[in-house]
Amino acid sequence: MDTKRLAGKNILITGAAQGMGAANAVHFAAQGANICLGDLDVDLAQNVADEINASGNGKAITHNPRTRWRKARMQPTINNQKGNY
């Protein structure tokens, strides 16, 4: 099984600071994906990002989407994050 099947893919996960969101972020990063962790609790999300970055699998950054929940307002955030990987 190819463990790096998501290598080079960029994934945005909301609610990524804990629970299923954090678990999915770690799982996808282990498969080589770059993760943008969106959560209202940026400090907790940063802990998950630090764990991912320390593992050497994929890369992770955080984003506070407090004012960007609507799709039309989220697209610029997604576009801006593309250059961070």
PDB file of N, CA and C in Angstrom:
ATOM      1  N   MET A   1       0.844  -1.190   0.000  1.00  0.00           N
ATOM      2  CA  MET A   1       0.000   0.000   0.000  1.00  0.00           C
ATOM      3  C   MET A   1       0.882   1.243   0.000  1.00  0.00           C
ATOM      4  N   ASP A   2       0.538   2.204  -0.849  1.00  0.00           N
ATOM      5  CA  ASP A   2       1.290   3.440  -0.934  1.00  0.00           C
ATOM      6  C   ASP A   2       0.917   4.341   0.231  1.00  0.00           C
ATOM      7  N   THR A   3       1.859   4.551   1.160  1.00  0.00           N
ATOM      8  CA  THR A   3       1.559   5.352   2.347  1.00  0.00           C
ATOM      9  C   THR A   3       1.649   6.852   2.085  1.00  0.00           C
ATOM     10  N   LYS A   4       2.142   7.246   0.927  1.00  0.00           N
ATOM     11  CA  LYS A   4       2.250   8.663   0.585  1.00  0.00           C
ATOM     12  C   LYS A   4       1.340   9.018  -0.586  1.00  0.00           C
ATOM     13  N   ARG A   5       0.182   8.415  -0.639  1.00  0.00           N
ATOM     14  CA  ARG A   5      -0.717   8.635  -1.775  1.00  0.00           C
ATOM     15  C   ARG A   5      -1.292  10.039  -1.837  1.00  0.00           C
ATOM     16  N   LEU A   6      -1.203  10.798  -0.766  1.00  0.00           N
ATOM     17  CA  LEU A   6      -1.696  12.179  -0.769  1.00  0.00           C
ATOM     18  C   LEU A   6      -0.553  13.193  -0.869  1.00  0.00           C
ATOM     19  N   ALA A   7       0.638  12.726  -1.195  1.00  0.00           N
ATOM     20  CA  ALA A   7       1.805  13.608  -1.275  1.00  0.00           C
ATOM     21  C   ALA A   7       1.537  14.758  -2.242  1.00  0.00           C
ATOM     22  N   GLY A   8       1.789  15.964  -1.754  1.00  0.00           N
ATOM     23  CA  GLY A   8       1.607  17.150  -2.583  1.00  0.00           C
ATOM     24  C   GLY A   8       0.191  17.680  -2.640  1.00  0.00           C
ATOM     25  N   LYS A   9      -0.764  16.980  -2.054  1.00  0.00           N
ATOM     26  CA  LYS A   9      -2.150  17.454  -2.039  1.00  0.00           C
ATOM     27  C   LYS A   9      -2.330  18.431  -0.880  1.00  0.00           C
ATOM     28  N   ASN A  10      -3.177  19.434  -1.075  1.00  0.00           N
ATOM     29  CA  ASN A  10      -3.483  20.414  -0.035  1.00  0.00           C
ATOM     30  C   ASN A  10      -4.896  20.177   0.465  1.00  0.00           C
ATOM     31  N   ILE A  11      -5.033  20.059   1.783  1.00  0.00           N
ATOM     32  CA  ILE A  11      -6.334  19.754   2.382  1.00  0.00           C
ATOM     33  C   ILE A  11      -6.647  20.790   3.452  1.00  0.00           C
ATOM     34  N   LEU A  12      -7.846  21.351   3.391  1.00  0.00           N
ATOM     35  CA  LEU A  12      -8.334  22.287   4.398  1.00  0.00           C
ATOM     36  C   LEU A  12      -9.309  21.536   5.293  1.00  0.00           C
ATOM     37  N   ILE A  13      -9.036  21.512   6.593  1.00  0.00           N
ATOM     38  CA  ILE A  13      -9.909  20.829   7.549  1.00  0.00           C
ATOM     39  C   ILE A  13     -10.406  21.854   8.557  1.00  0.00           C
ATOM     40  N   THR A  14     -11.725  21.954   8.693  1.00  0.00           N
ATOM     41  CA  THR A  14     -12.294  22.839   9.706  1.00  0.00           C
ATOM     42  C   THR A  14     -12.592  22.020  10.953  1.00  0.00           C
ATOM     43  N   GLY A  15     -12.561  22.671  12.100  1.00  0.00           N
ATOM     44  CA  GLY A  15     -12.746  21.950  13.361  1.00  0.00           C
ATOM     45  C   GLY A  15     -11.576  21.020  13.621  1.00  0.00           C
ATOM     46  N   ALA A  16     -10.378  21.473  13.257  1.00  0.00           N
ATOM     47  CA  ALA A  16      -9.204  20.603  13.255  1.00  0.00           C
ATOM     48  C   ALA A  16      -8.406  20.613  14.557  1.00  0.00           C
ATOM     49  N   ALA A  17      -8.847  21.341  15.561  1.00  0.00           N
ATOM     50  CA  ALA A  17      -8.069  21.451  16.789  1.00  0.00           C
ATOM     51  C   ALA A  17      -8.191  20.231  17.696  1.00  0.00           C
ATOM     52  N   GLN A  18      -9.257  19.470  17.537  1.00  0.00           N
ATOM     53  CA  GLN A  18      -9.440  18.308  18.414  1.00  0.00           C
ATOM     54  C   GLN A  18     -10.418  17.321  17.788  1.00  0.00           C
ATOM     55  N   GLY A  19     -10.555  16.173  18.401  1.00  0.00           N
ATOM     56  CA  GLY A  19     -11.512  15.170  17.953  1.00  0.00           C
ATOM     57  C   GLY A  19     -11.239  14.653  16.560  1.00  0.00           C
ATOM     58  N   MET A  20     -12.327  14.441  15.793  1.00  0.00           N
ATOM     59  CA  MET A  20     -12.216  13.880  14.449  1.00  0.00           C
ATOM     60  C   MET A  20     -11.420  14.780  13.504  1.00  0.00           C
ATOM     61  N   GLY A  21     -11.560  16.085  13.658  1.00  0.00           N
ATOM     62  CA  GLY A  21     -10.814  17.001  12.793  1.00  0.00           C
ATOM     63  C   GLY A  21      -9.314  16.837  12.977  1.00  0.00           C
ATOM     64  N   ALA A  22      -8.866  16.780  14.224  1.00  0.00           N
ATOM     65  CA  ALA A  22      -7.440  16.593  14.510  1.00  0.00           C
ATOM     66  C   ALA A  22      -6.973  15.217  14.046  1.00  0.00           C
ATOM     67  N   ALA A  23      -7.786  14.203  14.289  1.00  0.00           N
ATOM     68  CA  ALA A  23      -7.430  12.840  13.872  1.00  0.00           C
ATOM     69  C   ALA A  23      -7.287  12.757  12.356  1.00  0.00           C
ATOM     70  N   ASN A  24      -8.210  13.371  11.632  1.00  0.00           N
ATOM     71  CA  ASN A  24      -8.126  13.376  10.171  1.00  0.00           C
ATOM     72  C   ASN A  24      -6.900  14.147   9.692  1.00  0.00           C
ATOM     73  N   ALA A  25      -6.595  15.262  10.334  1.00  0.00           N
ATOM     74  CA  ALA A  25      -5.426  16.050   9.940  1.00  0.00           C
ATOM     75  C   ALA A  25      -4.149  15.237  10.090  1.00  0.00           C
ATOM     76  N   VAL A  26      -3.992  14.564  11.209  1.00  0.00           N
ATOM     77  CA  VAL A  26      -2.802  13.738  11.452  1.00  0.00           C
ATOM     78  C   VAL A  26      -2.761  12.572  10.468  1.00  0.00           C
ATOM     79  N   HIS A  27      -3.909  11.948  10.233  1.00  0.00           N
ATOM     80  CA  HIS A  27      -3.982  10.813   9.301  1.00  0.00           C
ATOM     81  C   HIS A  27      -3.618  11.228   7.880  1.00  0.00           C
ATOM     82  N   PHE A  28      -4.196  12.330   7.394  1.00  0.00           N
ATOM     83  CA  PHE A  28      -3.906  12.787   6.035  1.00  0.00           C
ATOM     84  C   PHE A  28      -2.450  13.234   5.898  1.00  0.00           C
ATOM     85  N   ALA A  29      -1.921  13.887   6.924  1.00  0.00           N
ATOM     86  CA  ALA A  29      -0.519  14.312   6.886  1.00  0.00           C
ATOM     87  C   ALA A  29       0.410  13.097   6.847  1.00  0.00           C
ATOM     88  N   ALA A  30       0.043  12.038   7.546  1.00  0.00           N
ATOM     89  CA  ALA A  30       0.854  10.815   7.529  1.00  0.00           C
ATOM     90  C   ALA A  30       0.914  10.220   6.123  1.00  0.00           C
ATOM     91  N   GLN A  31      -0.060  10.569   5.296  1.00  0.00           N
ATOM     92  CA  GLN A  31      -0.080  10.112   3.907  1.00  0.00           C
ATOM     93  C   GLN A  31       0.554  11.144   2.974  1.00  0.00           C
ATOM     94  N   GLY A  32       1.204  12.170   3.562  1.00  0.00           N
ATOM     95  CA  GLY A  32       1.966  13.128   2.776  1.00  0.00           C
ATOM     96  C   GLY A  32       1.263  14.417   2.419  1.00  0.00           C
ATOM     97  N   ALA A  33       0.024  14.607   2.869  1.00  0.00           N
ATOM     98  CA  ALA A  33      -0.730  15.819   2.503  1.00  0.00           C
ATOM     99  C   ALA A  33      -0.254  17.033   3.286  1.00  0.00           C
ATOM    100  N   ASN A  34      -0.443  18.203   2.693  1.00  0.00           N
ATOM    101  CA  ASN A  34      -0.243  19.480   3.372  1.00  0.00           C
ATOM    102  C   ASN A  34      -1.599  19.898   3.927  1.00  0.00           C
ATOM    103  N   ILE A  35      -1.637  20.295   5.191  1.00  0.00           N
ATOM    104  CA  ILE A  35      -2.894  20.546   5.870  1.00  0.00           C
ATOM    105  C   ILE A  35      -3.000  22.000   6.309  1.00  0.00           C
ATOM    106  N   CYS A  36      -4.149  22.610   6.040  1.00  0.00           N
ATOM    107  CA  CYS A  36      -4.504  23.905   6.617  1.00  0.00           C
ATOM    108  C   CYS A  36      -5.547  23.606   7.677  1.00  0.00           C
ATOM    109  N   LEU A  37      -5.179  23.822   8.937  1.00  0.00           N
ATOM    110  CA  LEU A  37      -6.059  23.516  10.071  1.00  0.00           C
ATOM    111  C   LEU A  37      -6.874  24.754  10.426  1.00  0.00           C
ATOM    112  N   GLY A  38      -8.156  24.706  10.176  1.00  0.00           N
ATOM    113  CA  GLY A  38      -9.042  25.806  10.520  1.00  0.00           C
ATOM    114  C   GLY A  38      -9.787  25.490  11.802  1.00  0.00           C
ATOM    115  N   ASP A  39      -9.736  26.395  12.756  1.00  0.00           N
ATOM    116  CA  ASP A  39     -10.469  26.198  14.005  1.00  0.00           C
ATOM    117  C   ASP A  39     -10.565  27.523  14.736  1.00  0.00           C
ATOM    118  N   LEU A  40     -11.620  27.685  15.517  1.00  0.00           N
ATOM    119  CA  LEU A  40     -11.778  28.896  16.316  1.00  0.00           C
ATOM    120  C   LEU A  40     -10.750  28.948  17.436  1.00  0.00           C
ATOM    121  N   ASP A  41     -10.311  27.778  17.918  1.00  0.00           N
ATOM    122  CA  ASP A  41      -9.279  27.698  18.947  1.00  0.00           C
ATOM    123  C   ASP A  41      -7.927  27.534  18.250  1.00  0.00           C
ATOM    124  N   VAL A  42      -7.337  28.655  17.865  1.00  0.00           N
ATOM    125  CA  VAL A  42      -6.104  28.636  17.086  1.00  0.00           C
ATOM    126  C   VAL A  42      -4.948  28.029  17.879  1.00  0.00           C
ATOM    127  N   ASP A  43      -4.910  28.252  19.193  1.00  0.00           N
ATOM    128  CA  ASP A  43      -3.823  27.702  20.004  1.00  0.00           C
ATOM    129  C   ASP A  43      -3.850  26.171  19.997  1.00  0.00           C
ATOM    130  N   LEU A  44      -5.030  25.604  20.152  1.00  0.00           N
ATOM    131  CA  LEU A  44      -5.162  24.148  20.128  1.00  0.00           C
ATOM    132  C   LEU A  44      -4.859  23.609  18.736  1.00  0.00           C
ATOM    133  N   ALA A  45      -5.300  24.316  17.703  1.00  0.00           N
ATOM    134  CA  ALA A  45      -5.004  23.908  16.329  1.00  0.00           C
ATOM    135  C   ALA A  45      -3.500  23.975  16.076  1.00  0.00           C
ATOM    136  N   GLN A  46      -2.832  24.965  16.665  1.00  0.00           N
ATOM    137  CA  GLN A  46      -1.381  25.080  16.486  1.00  0.00           C
ATOM    138  C   GLN A  46      -0.659  23.888  17.102  1.00  0.00           C
ATOM    139  N   ASN A  47      -1.183  23.357  18.210  1.00  0.00           N
ATOM    140  CA  ASN A  47      -0.588  22.152  18.807  1.00  0.00           C
ATOM    141  C   ASN A  47      -0.643  20.984  17.828  1.00  0.00           C
ATOM    142  N   VAL A  48      -1.766  20.833  17.132  1.00  0.00           N
ATOM    143  CA  VAL A  48      -1.904  19.764  16.137  1.00  0.00           C
ATOM    144  C   VAL A  48      -0.942  20.012  14.977  1.00  0.00           C
ATOM    145  N   ALA A  49      -0.848  21.265  14.532  1.00  0.00           N
ATOM    146  CA  ALA A  49       0.071  21.613  13.442  1.00  0.00           C
ATOM    147  C   ALA A  49       1.514  21.318  13.849  1.00  0.00           C
ATOM    148  N   ASP A  50       1.876  21.643  15.083  1.00  0.00           N
ATOM    149  CA  ASP A  50       3.231  21.380  15.565  1.00  0.00           C
ATOM    150  C   ASP A  50       3.523  19.878  15.574  1.00  0.00           C
ATOM    151  N   GLU A  51       2.527  19.089  15.983  1.00  0.00           N
ATOM    152  CA  GLU A  51       2.680  17.625  15.986  1.00  0.00           C
ATOM    153  C   GLU A  51       2.914  17.108  14.564  1.00  0.00           C
ATOM    154  N   ILE A  52       2.134  17.612  13.620  1.00  0.00           N
ATOM    155  CA  ILE A  52       2.273  17.187  12.221  1.00  0.00           C
ATOM    156  C   ILE A  52       3.637  17.601  11.673  1.00  0.00           C
ATOM    157  N   ASN A  53       4.027  18.854  11.896  1.00  0.00           N
ATOM    158  CA  ASN A  53       5.293  19.348  11.364  1.00  0.00           C
ATOM    159  C   ASN A  53       6.485  18.620  11.983  1.00  0.00           C
ATOM    160  N   ALA A  54       6.392  18.261  13.252  1.00  0.00           N
ATOM    161  CA  ALA A  54       7.477  17.537  13.916  1.00  0.00           C
ATOM    162  C   ALA A  54       7.610  16.106  13.405  1.00  0.00           C
ATOM    163  N   SER A  55       6.512  15.554  12.899  1.00  0.00           N
ATOM    164  CA  SER A  55       6.530  14.162  12.433  1.00  0.00           C
ATOM    165  C   SER A  55       7.265  13.992  11.112  1.00  0.00           C
ATOM    166  N   GLY A  56       7.423  15.094  10.359  1.00  0.00           N
ATOM    167  CA  GLY A  56       8.079  15.006   9.059  1.00  0.00           C
ATOM    168  C   GLY A  56       7.166  14.510   7.950  1.00  0.00           C
ATOM    169  N   ASN A  57       5.903  14.310   8.251  1.00  0.00           N
ATOM    170  CA  ASN A  57       4.914  13.881   7.251  1.00  0.00           C
ATOM    171  C   ASN A  57       4.076  15.074   6.843  1.00  0.00           C
ATOM    172  N   GLY A  58       4.182  15.502   5.607  1.00  0.00           N
ATOM    173  CA  GLY A  58       3.404  16.642   5.154  1.00  0.00           C
ATOM    174  C   GLY A  58       3.790  17.898   5.906  1.00  0.00           C
ATOM    175  N   LYS A  59       3.010  18.948   5.715  1.00  0.00           N
ATOM    176  CA  LYS A  59       3.211  20.221   6.406  1.00  0.00           C
ATOM    177  C   LYS A  59       1.859  20.692   6.903  1.00  0.00           C
ATOM    178  N   ALA A  60       1.874  21.510   7.946  1.00  0.00           N
ATOM    179  CA  ALA A  60       0.612  22.008   8.485  1.00  0.00           C
ATOM    180  C   ALA A  60       0.741  23.468   8.882  1.00  0.00           C
ATOM    181  N   ILE A  61      -0.319  24.214   8.622  1.00  0.00           N
ATOM    182  CA  ILE A  61      -0.437  25.593   9.058  1.00  0.00           C
ATOM    183  C   ILE A  61      -1.818  25.757   9.681  1.00  0.00           C
ATOM    184  N   THR A  62      -2.017  26.842  10.422  1.00  0.00           N
ATOM    185  CA  THR A  62      -3.319  27.083  11.055  1.00  0.00           C
ATOM    186  C   THR A  62      -3.954  28.342  10.489  1.00  0.00           C
ATOM    187  N   HIS A  63      -5.258  28.404  10.656  1.00  0.00           N
ATOM    188  CA  HIS A  63      -6.019  29.571  10.223  1.00  0.00           C
ATOM    189  C   HIS A  63      -7.244  29.699  11.119  1.00  0.00           C
ATOM    190  N   ASN A  64      -7.527  30.925  11.555  1.00  0.00           N
ATOM    191  CA  ASN A  64      -8.717  31.191  12.352  1.00  0.00           C
ATOM    192  C   ASN A  64      -9.827  31.653  11.417  1.00  0.00           C
ATOM    193  N   PRO A  65     -10.805  30.802  11.168  1.00  0.00           N
ATOM    194  CA  PRO A  65     -11.865  31.138  10.208  1.00  0.00           C
ATOM    195  C   PRO A  65     -13.045  31.891  10.817  1.00  0.00           C
ATOM    196  N   ARG A  66     -12.858  32.510  11.959  1.00  0.00           N
ATOM    197  CA  ARG A  66     -13.965  33.135  12.689  1.00  0.00           C
ATOM    198  C   ARG A  66     -14.861  33.984  11.785  1.00  0.00           C
ATOM    199  N   THR A  67     -14.307  34.707  10.866  1.00  0.00           N
ATOM    200  CA  THR A  67     -15.128  35.572  10.008  1.00  0.00           C
ATOM    201  C   THR A  67     -15.228  35.053   8.584  1.00  0.00           C
ATOM    202  N   ARG A  68     -14.803  33.828   8.347  1.00  0.00           N
ATOM    203  CA  ARG A  68     -14.773  33.339   6.975  1.00  0.00           C
ATOM    204  C   ARG A  68     -15.497  32.008   6.799  1.00  0.00           C
ATOM    205  N   TRP A  69     -16.646  31.837   7.399  1.00  0.00           N
ATOM    206  CA  TRP A  69     -17.352  30.558   7.307  1.00  0.00           C
ATOM    207  C   TRP A  69     -18.070  30.377   5.980  1.00  0.00           C
ATOM    208  N   ARG A  70     -18.540  31.433   5.377  1.00  0.00           N
ATOM    209  CA  ARG A  70     -19.265  31.277   4.115  1.00  0.00           C
ATOM    210  C   ARG A  70     -18.308  30.956   2.985  1.00  0.00           C
ATOM    211  N   LYS A  71     -18.757  30.108   2.076  1.00  0.00           N
ATOM    212  CA  LYS A  71     -17.895  29.649   0.980  1.00  0.00           C
ATOM    213  C   LYS A  71     -17.290  30.809   0.197  1.00  0.00           C
ATOM    214  N   ALA A  72     -18.094  31.795  -0.133  1.00  0.00           N
ATOM    215  CA  ALA A  72     -17.602  32.922  -0.921  1.00  0.00           C
ATOM    216  C   ALA A  72     -16.494  33.673  -0.197  1.00  0.00           C
ATOM    217  N   ARG A  73     -16.561  33.703   1.128  1.00  0.00           N
ATOM    218  CA  ARG A  73     -15.543  34.401   1.893  1.00  0.00           C
ATOM    219  C   ARG A  73     -14.367  33.487   2.211  1.00  0.00           C
ATOM    220  N   MET A  74     -14.539  32.162   2.103  1.00  0.00           N
ATOM    221  CA  MET A  74     -13.462  31.225   2.412  1.00  0.00           C
ATOM    222  C   MET A  74     -12.507  31.057   1.237  1.00  0.00           C
ATOM    223  N   GLN A  75     -12.970  31.254   0.007  1.00  0.00           N
ATOM    224  CA  GLN A  75     -12.123  31.024  -1.169  1.00  0.00           C
ATOM    225  C   GLN A  75     -10.835  31.841  -1.152  1.00  0.00           C
ATOM    226  N   PRO A  76     -10.857  33.138  -0.799  1.00  0.00           N
ATOM    227  CA  PRO A  76      -9.586  33.867  -0.739  1.00  0.00           C
ATOM    228  C   PRO A  76      -8.613  33.255   0.266  1.00  0.00           C
ATOM    229  N   THR A  77      -9.116  32.747   1.362  1.00  0.00           N
ATOM    230  CA  THR A  77      -8.254  32.105   2.358  1.00  0.00           C
ATOM    231  C   THR A  77      -7.586  30.874   1.766  1.00  0.00           C
ATOM    232  N   ILE A  78      -8.358  30.066   1.076  1.00  0.00           N
ATOM    233  CA  ILE A  78      -7.814  28.865   0.446  1.00  0.00           C
ATOM    234  C   ILE A  78      -6.756  29.264  -0.577  1.00  0.00           C
ATOM    235  N   ASN A  79      -7.062  30.247  -1.403  1.00  0.00           N
ATOM    236  CA  ASN A  79      -6.116  30.702  -2.422  1.00  0.00           C
ATOM    237  C   ASN A  79      -4.835  31.246  -1.799  1.00  0.00           C
ATOM    238  N   ASN A  80      -4.964  31.987  -0.696  1.00  0.00           N
ATOM    239  CA  ASN A  80      -3.777  32.556  -0.027  1.00  0.00           C
ATOM    240  C   ASN A  80      -2.906  31.463   0.591  1.00  0.00           C
ATOM    241  N   GLN A  81      -3.491  30.370   1.021  1.00  0.00           N
ATOM    242  CA  GLN A  81      -2.718  29.311   1.677  1.00  0.00           C
ATOM    243  C   GLN A  81      -1.921  28.486   0.686  1.00  0.00           C
ATOM    244  N   LYS A  82      -2.304  28.497  -0.578  1.00  0.00           N
ATOM    245  CA  LYS A  82      -1.603  27.676  -1.589  1.00  0.00           C
ATOM    246  C   LYS A  82      -0.120  27.986  -1.643  1.00  0.00           C
ATOM    247  N   GLY A  83       0.248  29.219  -1.458  1.00  0.00           N
ATOM    248  CA  GLY A  83       1.660  29.597  -1.525  1.00  0.00           C
ATOM    249  C   GLY A  83       2.459  29.204  -0.301  1.00  0.00           C
ATOM    250  N   ASN A  84       1.815  28.720   0.741  1.00  0.00           N
ATOM    251  CA  ASN A  84       2.520  28.379   1.983  1.00  0.00           C
ATOM    252  C   ASN A  84       3.092  26.976   1.984  1.00  0.00           C
ATOM    253  N   TYR A  85       2.861  26.208   0.921  1.00  0.00           N
ATOM    254  CA  TYR A  85       3.345  24.831   0.912  1.00  0.00           C
ATOM    255  C   TYR A  85       4.483  24.653  -0.041  1.00  0.00           C
TER     256      TYR A  85
END
